[in-house]
């Protein structure tokens, strides 16, 4: 198989017919008749699955992987990649915010630069000022806390070689932050400027971005744990200095100690910090607990595909 195209479905019913047509044209222009389009239904609440299954009845290039429930965008993408067989694999969203025709430009750049990955980067993030600001700070905080250098404004669309996809699938963790996996898998990766359209409202709300940031940082870095240690050392040093001050004041000046407010404030401050530190440790322990159970990150209910002649 020369080419595999992988896309996920979630509330995608309005986009499926056009996505199918444009993606099929782009695939035939690049790979002739030797291609496949894998659509992963991530528990979509609309009739996306029905429309996708109808395509398999008339086109043997289409495969639909129906998950047993909604597992999340990143896990659904990894499942689609696991079912791909092409020498080159295009990963793209089905909502047409990224143009399927980018496949041609990606393939040309991959051939000219002899790289394993060509990934899309948007010149400016779409959405309102809050979406753009939160997206910018998400990657900056992630890079700061992990020491990585993830490119900002990356999109889902990327063309990958078979050996890169095989290496990517070696990662077996249950909690997936796919942008981090893309980065740590390595190989030669080159950016390509793309235009991302606003065809739908983003499902990544501010609260989801915060949750994703916590999950991604704790999955790829131990900086929060190390930070707790250093904060504890600093507090201990200041406490020791303050104790010396109190002893000196009592021995040489014999003044009655005052400062009930400062004492209570210190107790509340230290108590809050201790609770938050325990929470950080708890997050890491929960990840260890989740990973040791070795549960699959997705469960496939059924695969729909027409036998090719």
C-alpha atoms as a PDB file:
ATOM      1  CA  UNK A   1       0.000   0.000   0.000  1.00  0.00           C
ATOM      2  CA  UNK A   2       1.501   3.321  -1.075  1.00  0.00           C
ATOM      3  CA  UNK A   3      -0.644   5.683   0.969  1.00  0.00           C
ATOM      4  CA  UNK A   4      -2.853   5.617   4.048  1.00  0.00           C
ATOM      5  CA  UNK A   5      -5.003   8.550   5.124  1.00  0.00           C
ATOM      6  CA  UNK A   6      -6.207   8.538   8.742  1.00  0.00           C
ATOM      7  CA  UNK A   7      -8.940  10.780  10.144  1.00  0.00           C
ATOM      8  CA  UNK A   8     -11.167  10.706  13.211  1.00  0.00           C
ATOM      9  CA  UNK A   9     -14.920  11.256  13.335  1.00  0.00           C
ATOM     10  CA  UNK A  10     -16.686  13.180  16.073  1.00  0.00           C
ATOM     11  CA  UNK A  11     -19.725  15.253  15.152  1.00  0.00           C
ATOM     12  CA  UNK A  12     -18.430  15.113  11.587  1.00  0.00           C
ATOM     13  CA  UNK A  13     -21.615  14.239   9.684  1.00  0.00           C
ATOM     14  CA  UNK A  14     -21.802  17.567   7.832  1.00  0.00           C
ATOM     15  CA  UNK A  15     -18.219  17.269   6.606  1.00  0.00           C
ATOM     16  CA  UNK A  16     -17.955  13.603   5.606  1.00  0.00           C
ATOM     17  CA  UNK A  17     -19.214  13.802   1.962  1.00  0.00           C
ATOM     18  CA  UNK A  18     -16.927  16.694   1.003  1.00  0.00           C
ATOM     19  CA  UNK A  19     -14.010  15.316   3.005  1.00  0.00           C
ATOM     20  CA  UNK A  20     -14.362  11.950   1.297  1.00  0.00           C
ATOM     21  CA  UNK A  21     -14.486  13.476  -2.184  1.00  0.00           C
ATOM     22  CA  UNK A  22     -11.550  15.867  -1.746  1.00  0.00           C
ATOM     23  CA  UNK A  23      -9.404  13.328   0.080  1.00  0.00           C
ATOM     24  CA  UNK A  24     -10.034  10.653  -2.556  1.00  0.00           C
ATOM     25  CA  UNK A  25      -9.022  13.023  -5.354  1.00  0.00           C
ATOM     26  CA  UNK A  26      -5.824  14.026  -3.554  1.00  0.00           C
ATOM     27  CA  UNK A  27      -4.984  10.379  -2.811  1.00  0.00           C
ATOM     28  CA  UNK A  28      -5.510   9.247  -6.427  1.00  0.00           C
ATOM     29  CA  UNK A  29      -3.344  12.086  -7.725  1.00  0.00           C
ATOM     30  CA  UNK A  30      -0.493  10.935  -5.512  1.00  0.00           C
ATOM     31  CA  UNK A  31      -0.843   7.140  -5.281  1.00  0.00           C
ATOM     32  CA  UNK A  32      -3.123   6.131  -8.131  1.00  0.00           C
ATOM     33  CA  UNK A  33      -5.401   3.338  -6.978  1.00  0.00           C
ATOM     34  CA  UNK A  34      -3.068   2.120  -4.233  1.00  0.00           C
ATOM     35  CA  UNK A  35      -4.384   3.961  -1.188  1.00  0.00           C
ATOM     36  CA  UNK A  36      -6.712   3.578   1.787  1.00  0.00           C
ATOM     37  CA  UNK A  37      -8.735   6.023   3.853  1.00  0.00           C
ATOM     38  CA  UNK A  38      -9.210   5.026   7.491  1.00  0.00           C
ATOM     39  CA  UNK A  39     -11.991   6.771   9.395  1.00  0.00           C
ATOM     40  CA  UNK A  40     -12.040   6.236  13.166  1.00  0.00           C
ATOM     41  CA  UNK A  41     -15.426   6.825  14.774  1.00  0.00           C
ATOM     42  CA  UNK A  42     -14.649   8.148  18.247  1.00  0.00           C
ATOM     43  CA  UNK A  43     -18.098   7.566  19.701  1.00  0.00           C
ATOM     44  CA  UNK A  44     -19.648  10.359  17.634  1.00  0.00           C
ATOM     45  CA  UNK A  45     -23.151  11.234  18.900  1.00  0.00           C
ATOM     46  CA  UNK A  46     -24.471  12.117  15.422  1.00  0.00           C
ATOM     47  CA  UNK A  47     -24.861   9.876  12.366  1.00  0.00           C
ATOM     48  CA  UNK A  48     -21.199  10.093  11.330  1.00  0.00           C
ATOM     49  CA  UNK A  49     -20.811   6.324  11.634  1.00  0.00           C
ATOM     50  CA  UNK A  50     -23.790   5.594   9.374  1.00  0.00           C
ATOM     51  CA  UNK A  51     -22.513   7.936   6.675  1.00  0.00           C
ATOM     52  CA  UNK A  52     -19.011   6.483   6.872  1.00  0.00           C
ATOM     53  CA  UNK A  53     -20.272   2.899   6.702  1.00  0.00           C
ATOM     54  CA  UNK A  54     -22.276   3.776   3.580  1.00  0.00           C
ATOM     55  CA  UNK A  55     -19.018   4.833   1.932  1.00  0.00           C
ATOM     56  CA  UNK A  56     -17.477   1.416   2.601  1.00  0.00           C
ATOM     57  CA  UNK A  57     -20.314  -0.241   0.673  1.00  0.00           C
ATOM     58  CA  UNK A  58     -19.411   1.579  -2.537  1.00  0.00           C
ATOM     59  CA  UNK A  59     -15.677   2.243  -2.169  1.00  0.00           C
ATOM     60  CA  UNK A  60     -13.211  -0.466  -1.208  1.00  0.00           C
ATOM     61  CA  UNK A  61     -10.613   2.178  -0.331  1.00  0.00           C
ATOM     62  CA  UNK A  62     -12.561   3.138   2.786  1.00  0.00           C
ATOM     63  CA  UNK A  63     -12.127   1.453   6.160  1.00  0.00           C
ATOM     64  CA  UNK A  64     -14.170   2.499   9.196  1.00  0.00           C
ATOM     65  CA  UNK A  65     -12.889   1.670  12.660  1.00  0.00           C
ATOM     66  CA  UNK A  66     -15.760   2.001  15.129  1.00  0.00           C
ATOM     67  CA  UNK A  67     -14.644   2.480  18.738  1.00  0.00           C
ATOM     68  CA  UNK A  68     -16.833   1.178  21.543  1.00  0.00           C
ATOM     69  CA  UNK A  69     -17.198   4.676  23.038  1.00  0.00           C
ATOM     70  CA  UNK A  70     -15.606   8.103  23.008  1.00  0.00           C
ATOM     71  CA  UNK A  71     -11.965   7.735  24.077  1.00  0.00           C
ATOM     72  CA  UNK A  72     -10.642  11.122  22.998  1.00  0.00           C
ATOM     73  CA  UNK A  73      -9.094  12.641  19.895  1.00  0.00           C
ATOM     74  CA  UNK A  74      -5.490  11.657  20.586  1.00  0.00           C
ATOM     75  CA  UNK A  75      -6.257   8.023  21.385  1.00  0.00           C
ATOM     76  CA  UNK A  76      -8.506   7.719  18.335  1.00  0.00           C
ATOM     77  CA  UNK A  77      -5.709   9.024  16.104  1.00  0.00           C
ATOM     78  CA  UNK A  78      -3.258   6.468  17.492  1.00  0.00           C
ATOM     79  CA  UNK A  79      -5.804   3.713  16.862  1.00  0.00           C
ATOM     80  CA  UNK A  80      -6.197   4.814  13.250  1.00  0.00           C
ATOM     81  CA  UNK A  81      -2.429   4.841  12.765  1.00  0.00           C
ATOM     82  CA  UNK A  82      -2.240   1.321  14.196  1.00  0.00           C
ATOM     83  CA  UNK A  83      -4.615   0.116  11.451  1.00  0.00           C
ATOM     84  CA  UNK A  84      -2.746   1.859   8.624  1.00  0.00           C
ATOM     85  CA  UNK A  85      -0.517  -0.085   6.227  1.00  0.00           C
ATOM     86  CA  UNK A  86       0.703   2.547   3.771  1.00  0.00           C
ATOM     87  CA  UNK A  87       4.321   3.381   3.026  1.00  0.00           C
ATOM     88  CA  UNK A  88       3.331   6.970   3.751  1.00  0.00           C
ATOM     89  CA  UNK A  89       0.580   7.972   6.165  1.00  0.00           C
ATOM     90  CA  UNK A  90      -1.330  11.248   6.170  1.00  0.00           C
ATOM     91  CA  UNK A  91      -2.971  12.141   9.479  1.00  0.00           C
ATOM     92  CA  UNK A  92      -5.620  14.843   9.164  1.00  0.00           C
ATOM     93  CA  UNK A  93      -8.846  15.999  10.802  1.00  0.00           C
ATOM     94  CA  UNK A  94     -12.110  15.366   8.968  1.00  0.00           C
ATOM     95  CA  UNK A  95     -13.658  18.775   9.699  1.00  0.00           C
ATOM     96  CA  UNK A  96     -11.948  20.354   6.651  1.00  0.00           C
ATOM     97  CA  UNK A  97     -10.227  23.003   8.744  1.00  0.00           C
ATOM     98  CA  UNK A  98      -7.065  21.612   7.175  1.00  0.00           C
ATOM     99  CA  UNK A  99      -7.319  21.197   3.411  1.00  0.00           C
ATOM    100  CA  UNK A 100      -6.858  17.596   2.179  1.00  0.00           C
ATOM    101  CA  UNK A 101      -5.078  19.019  -0.867  1.00  0.00           C
ATOM    102  CA  UNK A 102      -2.092  19.751   1.391  1.00  0.00           C
ATOM    103  CA  UNK A 103      -1.131  16.111   0.762  1.00  0.00           C
ATOM    104  CA  UNK A 104       0.473  17.055  -2.553  1.00  0.00           C
ATOM    105  CA  UNK A 105       2.641  19.797  -1.046  1.00  0.00           C
ATOM    106  CA  UNK A 106       3.597  17.607   1.904  1.00  0.00           C
ATOM    107  CA  UNK A 107       4.661  14.764  -0.402  1.00  0.00           C
ATOM    108  CA  UNK A 108       6.766  17.079  -2.561  1.00  0.00           C
ATOM    109  CA  UNK A 109       8.545  18.509   0.484  1.00  0.00           C
ATOM    110  CA  UNK A 110       9.103  15.047   1.963  1.00  0.00           C
ATOM    111  CA  UNK A 111      10.727  13.898  -1.269  1.00  0.00           C
ATOM    112  CA  UNK A 112      12.832  17.025  -1.811  1.00  0.00           C
ATOM    113  CA  UNK A 113      14.113  17.213   1.784  1.00  0.00           C
ATOM    114  CA  UNK A 114      14.354  13.441   2.352  1.00  0.00           C
ATOM    115  CA  UNK A 115      12.623  13.671   5.721  1.00  0.00           C
ATOM    116  CA  UNK A 116      10.341  11.292   7.587  1.00  0.00           C
ATOM    117  CA  UNK A 117       7.692  13.806   8.630  1.00  0.00           C
ATOM    118  CA  UNK A 118       6.210  16.947   7.142  1.00  0.00           C
ATOM    119  CA  UNK A 119       3.855  18.577   9.630  1.00  0.00           C
ATOM    120  CA  UNK A 120       1.520  21.513   9.204  1.00  0.00           C
ATOM    121  CA  UNK A 121       1.997  24.784  11.073  1.00  0.00           C
ATOM    122  CA  UNK A 122      -0.551  27.580  10.919  1.00  0.00           C
ATOM    123  CA  UNK A 123       0.754  31.113  10.576  1.00  0.00           C
ATOM    124  CA  UNK A 124      -1.638  32.351  13.238  1.00  0.00           C
ATOM    125  CA  UNK A 125      -3.921  30.410  15.540  1.00  0.00           C
ATOM    126  CA  UNK A 126      -7.590  30.584  14.650  1.00  0.00           C
ATOM    127  CA  UNK A 127     -10.304  31.607  17.091  1.00  0.00           C
ATOM    128  CA  UNK A 128     -10.875  34.549  19.397  1.00  0.00           C
ATOM    129  CA  UNK A 129      -8.231  36.239  21.516  1.00  0.00           C
ATOM    130  CA  UNK A 130      -8.763  33.859  24.443  1.00  0.00           C
ATOM    131  CA  UNK A 131      -8.250  30.767  22.259  1.00  0.00           C
ATOM    132  CA  UNK A 132      -5.112  32.251  20.703  1.00  0.00           C
ATOM    133  CA  UNK A 133      -3.720  33.384  24.064  1.00  0.00           C
ATOM    134  CA  UNK A 134      -4.443  30.098  25.847  1.00  0.00           C
ATOM    135  CA  UNK A 135      -2.989  28.112  22.951  1.00  0.00           C
ATOM    136  CA  UNK A 136       0.190  30.199  22.949  1.00  0.00           C
ATOM    137  CA  UNK A 137       0.724  29.886  26.699  1.00  0.00           C
ATOM    138  CA  UNK A 138      -0.089  26.188  26.641  1.00  0.00           C
ATOM    139  CA  UNK A 139       2.953  25.411  24.489  1.00  0.00           C
ATOM    140  CA  UNK A 140       5.162  27.907  26.305  1.00  0.00           C
ATOM    141  CA  UNK A 141       4.364  26.407  29.688  1.00  0.00           C
ATOM    142  CA  UNK A 142       4.768  22.885  28.361  1.00  0.00           C
ATOM    143  CA  UNK A 143       8.156  23.684  26.820  1.00  0.00           C
ATOM    144  CA  UNK A 144       9.287  25.467  30.004  1.00  0.00           C
ATOM    145  CA  UNK A 145       8.280  22.647  32.343  1.00  0.00           C
ATOM    146  CA  UNK A 146       9.487  19.767  30.173  1.00  0.00           C
ATOM    147  CA  UNK A 147      12.535  21.238  28.463  1.00  0.00           C
ATOM    148  CA  UNK A 148      11.128  20.267  25.064  1.00  0.00           C
ATOM    149  CA  UNK A 149      10.934  22.565  22.076  1.00  0.00           C
ATOM    150  CA  UNK A 150       7.519  21.795  20.624  1.00  0.00           C
ATOM    151  CA  UNK A 151       6.702  24.087  17.694  1.00  0.00           C
ATOM    152  CA  UNK A 152       3.792  26.424  18.355  1.00  0.00           C
ATOM    153  CA  UNK A 153       0.633  26.497  16.233  1.00  0.00           C
ATOM    154  CA  UNK A 154       1.027  22.949  14.913  1.00  0.00           C
ATOM    155  CA  UNK A 155      -2.017  21.296  13.391  1.00  0.00           C
ATOM    156  CA  UNK A 156      -3.077  17.688  13.088  1.00  0.00           C
ATOM    157  CA  UNK A 157      -2.211  17.396   9.395  1.00  0.00           C
ATOM    158  CA  UNK A 158       1.104  15.611   8.871  1.00  0.00           C
ATOM    159  CA  UNK A 159       2.568  13.195   6.343  1.00  0.00           C
ATOM    160  CA  UNK A 160       4.705  10.451   7.868  1.00  0.00           C
ATOM    161  CA  UNK A 161       6.920   7.655   6.627  1.00  0.00           C
ATOM    162  CA  UNK A 162       6.180   4.047   7.525  1.00  0.00           C
ATOM    163  CA  UNK A 163       9.217   3.709   9.774  1.00  0.00           C
ATOM    164  CA  UNK A 164       8.224   6.829  11.705  1.00  0.00           C
ATOM    165  CA  UNK A 165       4.667   5.549  12.233  1.00  0.00           C
ATOM    166  CA  UNK A 166       5.988   2.180  13.385  1.00  0.00           C
ATOM    167  CA  UNK A 167       8.261   3.942  15.873  1.00  0.00           C
ATOM    168  CA  UNK A 168       5.402   6.168  17.058  1.00  0.00           C
ATOM    169  CA  UNK A 169       3.246   3.122  17.759  1.00  0.00           C
ATOM    170  CA  UNK A 170       5.906   1.693  20.073  1.00  0.00           C
ATOM    171  CA  UNK A 171       4.688   4.102  22.763  1.00  0.00           C
ATOM    172  CA  UNK A 172       2.250   2.156  24.919  1.00  0.00           C
ATOM    173  CA  UNK A 173       1.179   4.598  27.646  1.00  0.00           C
ATOM    174  CA  UNK A 174      -2.507   4.862  28.437  1.00  0.00           C
ATOM    175  CA  UNK A 175      -2.595   8.646  28.879  1.00  0.00           C
ATOM    176  CA  UNK A 176      -1.648  10.051  25.488  1.00  0.00           C
ATOM    177  CA  UNK A 177      -0.498  13.563  24.612  1.00  0.00           C
ATOM    178  CA  UNK A 178       0.160  12.989  20.947  1.00  0.00           C
ATOM    179  CA  UNK A 179       2.088  16.196  20.225  1.00  0.00           C
ATOM    180  CA  UNK A 180       4.641  15.134  22.812  1.00  0.00           C
ATOM    181  CA  UNK A 181       4.872  11.649  21.290  1.00  0.00           C
ATOM    182  CA  UNK A 182       5.377  13.179  17.848  1.00  0.00           C
ATOM    183  CA  UNK A 183       8.329  15.108  19.236  1.00  0.00           C
ATOM    184  CA  UNK A 184      10.097  12.437  21.286  1.00  0.00           C
ATOM    185  CA  UNK A 185       9.806   9.837  18.504  1.00  0.00           C
ATOM    186  CA  UNK A 186      12.496  11.785  16.705  1.00  0.00           C
ATOM    187  CA  UNK A 187      13.553  11.312  13.056  1.00  0.00           C
ATOM    188  CA  UNK A 188      13.855  14.267  10.693  1.00  0.00           C
ATOM    189  CA  UNK A 189      10.722  16.410  10.834  1.00  0.00           C
ATOM    190  CA  UNK A 190      10.103  19.521   8.756  1.00  0.00           C
ATOM    191  CA  UNK A 191       7.340  22.155   9.093  1.00  0.00           C
ATOM    192  CA  UNK A 192       5.074  23.313   6.291  1.00  0.00           C
ATOM    193  CA  UNK A 193       2.996  26.479   6.535  1.00  0.00           C
ATOM    194  CA  UNK A 194      -0.728  25.798   6.095  1.00  0.00           C
ATOM    195  CA  UNK A 195      -3.920  27.796   6.375  1.00  0.00           C
ATOM    196  CA  UNK A 196      -6.410  26.495   8.905  1.00  0.00           C
ATOM    197  CA  UNK A 197     -10.035  27.398   8.316  1.00  0.00           C
ATOM    198  CA  UNK A 198     -12.672  27.973  10.980  1.00  0.00           C
ATOM    199  CA  UNK A 199     -15.352  25.496   9.977  1.00  0.00           C
ATOM    200  CA  UNK A 200     -16.410  24.441  13.468  1.00  0.00           C
ATOM    201  CA  UNK A 201     -16.245  25.531  17.070  1.00  0.00           C
ATOM    202  CA  UNK A 202     -13.271  24.107  18.931  1.00  0.00           C
ATOM    203  CA  UNK A 203     -13.959  21.319  21.434  1.00  0.00           C
ATOM    204  CA  UNK A 204     -10.821  22.251  23.375  1.00  0.00           C
ATOM    205  CA  UNK A 205     -12.284  24.623  25.960  1.00  0.00           C
ATOM    206  CA  UNK A 206     -10.121  26.518  28.447  1.00  0.00           C
ATOM    207  CA  UNK A 207     -10.787  23.931  31.177  1.00  0.00           C
ATOM    208  CA  UNK A 208      -9.877  21.103  28.770  1.00  0.00           C
ATOM    209  CA  UNK A 209      -6.649  22.891  27.867  1.00  0.00           C
ATOM    210  CA  UNK A 210      -5.747  23.188  31.558  1.00  0.00           C
ATOM    211  CA  UNK A 211      -6.491  19.482  32.043  1.00  0.00           C
ATOM    212  CA  UNK A 212      -4.461  18.638  28.934  1.00  0.00           C
ATOM    213  CA  UNK A 213      -1.552  20.764  30.183  1.00  0.00           C
ATOM    214  CA  UNK A 214      -1.496  18.979  33.548  1.00  0.00           C
ATOM    215  CA  UNK A 215      -1.729  15.583  31.862  1.00  0.00           C
ATOM    216  CA  UNK A 216       0.945  16.354  29.276  1.00  0.00           C
ATOM    217  CA  UNK A 217       3.451  17.883  31.701  1.00  0.00           C
ATOM    218  CA  UNK A 218       3.138  15.037  34.216  1.00  0.00           C
ATOM    219  CA  UNK A 219       3.464  12.536  31.369  1.00  0.00           C
ATOM    220  CA  UNK A 220       6.688  13.968  29.969  1.00  0.00           C
ATOM    221  CA  UNK A 221       8.471  15.639  32.879  1.00  0.00           C
ATOM    222  CA  UNK A 222       9.350  15.195  36.545  1.00  0.00           C
ATOM    223  CA  UNK A 223       9.963  18.941  36.965  1.00  0.00           C
ATOM    224  CA  UNK A 224       6.937  19.419  39.283  1.00  0.00           C
ATOM    225  CA  UNK A 225       8.300  16.743  41.653  1.00  0.00           C
ATOM    226  CA  UNK A 226      11.805  18.202  41.577  1.00  0.00           C
ATOM    227  CA  UNK A 227      10.328  21.673  42.060  1.00  0.00           C
ATOM    228  CA  UNK A 228       8.559  20.512  45.213  1.00  0.00           C
ATOM    229  CA  UNK A 229      11.900  19.345  46.623  1.00  0.00           C
ATOM    230  CA  UNK A 230      13.626  22.672  45.963  1.00  0.00           C
ATOM    231  CA  UNK A 231      10.714  24.699  47.343  1.00  0.00           C
ATOM    232  CA  UNK A 232      10.853  22.579  50.482  1.00  0.00           C
ATOM    233  CA  UNK A 233      14.606  23.226  50.808  1.00  0.00           C
ATOM    234  CA  UNK A 234      14.106  26.989  50.401  1.00  0.00           C
ATOM    235  CA  UNK A 235      11.335  27.038  53.016  1.00  0.00           C
ATOM    236  CA  UNK A 236      13.533  25.045  55.396  1.00  0.00           C
ATOM    237  CA  UNK A 237      16.399  27.511  54.976  1.00  0.00           C
ATOM    238  CA  UNK A 238      14.187  30.521  55.683  1.00  0.00           C
ATOM    239  CA  UNK A 239      12.647  28.705  58.650  1.00  0.00           C
ATOM    240  CA  UNK A 240      16.090  27.952  60.116  1.00  0.00           C
ATOM    241  CA  UNK A 241      17.101  31.601  59.744  1.00  0.00           C
ATOM    242  CA  UNK A 242      13.904  32.735  61.412  1.00  0.00           C
ATOM    243  CA  UNK A 243      14.415  30.313  64.310  1.00  0.00           C
ATOM    244  CA  UNK A 244      17.914  31.732  64.848  1.00  0.00           C
ATOM    245  CA  UNK A 245      16.397  35.212  64.883  1.00  0.00           C
ATOM    246  CA  UNK A 246      13.807  34.202  67.491  1.00  0.00           C
ATOM    247  CA  UNK A 247      16.452  32.590  69.722  1.00  0.00           C
ATOM    248  CA  UNK A 248      18.682  35.637  69.466  1.00  0.00           C
ATOM    249  CA  UNK A 249      15.793  37.963  70.246  1.00  0.00           C
ATOM    250  CA  UNK A 250      14.806  35.891  73.296  1.00  0.00           C
ATOM    251  CA  UNK A 251      18.359  35.571  74.695  1.00  0.00           C
ATOM    252  CA  UNK A 252      19.608  39.118  74.220  1.00  0.00           C
ATOM    253  CA  UNK A 253      16.538  41.301  74.220  1.00  0.00           C
ATOM    254  CA  UNK A 254      13.978  39.276  76.180  1.00  0.00           C
ATOM    255  CA  UNK A 255      11.109  40.953  74.403  1.00  0.00           C
ATOM    256  CA  UNK A 256       7.691  39.330  74.451  1.00  0.00           C
ATOM    257  CA  UNK A 257       6.954  37.780  71.123  1.00  0.00           C
ATOM    258  CA  UNK A 258       4.073  39.194  69.127  1.00  0.00           C
ATOM    259  CA  UNK A 259       2.708  38.641  65.657  1.00  0.00           C
ATOM    260  CA  UNK A 260      -0.310  36.375  65.972  1.00  0.00           C
ATOM    261  CA  UNK A 261      -1.447  37.406  62.475  1.00  0.00           C
ATOM    262  CA  UNK A 262       1.874  36.545  60.862  1.00  0.00           C
ATOM    263  CA  UNK A 263       1.934  33.185  62.647  1.00  0.00           C
ATOM    264  CA  UNK A 264      -1.534  32.266  61.440  1.00  0.00           C
ATOM    265  CA  UNK A 265      -0.744  33.463  57.919  1.00  0.00           C
ATOM    266  CA  UNK A 266       2.373  31.310  57.907  1.00  0.00           C
ATOM    267  CA  UNK A 267       0.400  28.272  59.072  1.00  0.00           C
ATOM    268  CA  UNK A 268      -2.194  28.739  56.351  1.00  0.00           C
ATOM    269  CA  UNK A 269       0.515  29.327  53.724  1.00  0.00           C
ATOM    270  CA  UNK A 270       2.502  26.251  54.647  1.00  0.00           C
ATOM    271  CA  UNK A 271      -0.667  24.178  55.009  1.00  0.00           C
ATOM    272  CA  UNK A 272      -1.870  25.183  51.550  1.00  0.00           C
ATOM    273  CA  UNK A 273       1.517  24.442  50.019  1.00  0.00           C
ATOM    274  CA  UNK A 274       1.669  21.021  51.687  1.00  0.00           C
ATOM    275  CA  UNK A 275      -1.783  20.115  50.395  1.00  0.00           C
ATOM    276  CA  UNK A 276      -0.924  21.257  46.860  1.00  0.00           C
ATOM    277  CA  UNK A 277       2.353  19.327  46.945  1.00  0.00           C
ATOM    278  CA  UNK A 278       0.531  16.198  48.048  1.00  0.00           C
ATOM    279  CA  UNK A 279      -1.845  16.793  45.122  1.00  0.00           C
ATOM    280  CA  UNK A 280       1.056  16.912  42.651  1.00  0.00           C
ATOM    281  CA  UNK A 281       2.459  13.683  44.050  1.00  0.00           C
ATOM    282  CA  UNK A 282      -1.048  12.210  43.844  1.00  0.00           C
ATOM    283  CA  UNK A 283      -1.249  13.038  40.119  1.00  0.00           C
ATOM    284  CA  UNK A 284       1.961  11.117  39.471  1.00  0.00           C
ATOM    285  CA  UNK A 285       0.773   8.208  41.617  1.00  0.00           C
ATOM    286  CA  UNK A 286      -2.520   8.083  39.719  1.00  0.00           C
ATOM    287  CA  UNK A 287      -0.578   7.874  36.457  1.00  0.00           C
ATOM    288  CA  UNK A 288       1.523   5.037  37.811  1.00  0.00           C
ATOM    289  CA  UNK A 289      -1.672   3.307  38.952  1.00  0.00           C
ATOM    290  CA  UNK A 290      -3.239   3.770  35.517  1.00  0.00           C
ATOM    291  CA  UNK A 291      -0.199   2.533  33.609  1.00  0.00           C
ATOM    292  CA  UNK A 292       0.370  -0.553  35.773  1.00  0.00           C
ATOM    293  CA  UNK A 293      -3.119  -1.834  34.917  1.00  0.00           C
ATOM    294  CA  UNK A 294      -2.052  -1.927  31.250  1.00  0.00           C
ATOM    295  CA  UNK A 295      -5.530  -1.256  29.935  1.00  0.00           C
ATOM    296  CA  UNK A 296      -5.837  -0.617  26.172  1.00  0.00           C
ATOM    297  CA  UNK A 297      -6.235   3.070  25.375  1.00  0.00           C
ATOM    298  CA  UNK A 298      -9.104   2.258  23.001  1.00  0.00           C
ATOM    299  CA  UNK A 299     -11.427  -0.662  22.316  1.00  0.00           C
ATOM    300  CA  UNK A 300     -12.589  -1.368  18.761  1.00  0.00           C
ATOM    301  CA  UNK A 301     -16.199  -2.469  18.486  1.00  0.00           C
ATOM    302  CA  UNK A 302     -16.213  -3.270  14.768  1.00  0.00           C
ATOM    303  CA  UNK A 303     -14.306  -2.648  11.559  1.00  0.00           C
ATOM    304  CA  UNK A 304     -16.208  -1.934   8.356  1.00  0.00           C
ATOM    305  CA  UNK A 305     -14.489  -2.453   5.002  1.00  0.00           C
ATOM    306  CA  UNK A 306     -15.391  -3.815   1.585  1.00  0.00           C
ATOM    307  CA  UNK A 307     -13.167  -6.557   0.234  1.00  0.00           C
ATOM    308  CA  UNK A 308     -11.039  -5.194  -2.621  1.00  0.00           C
ATOM    309  CA  UNK A 309     -11.169  -7.084  -5.881  1.00  0.00           C
END
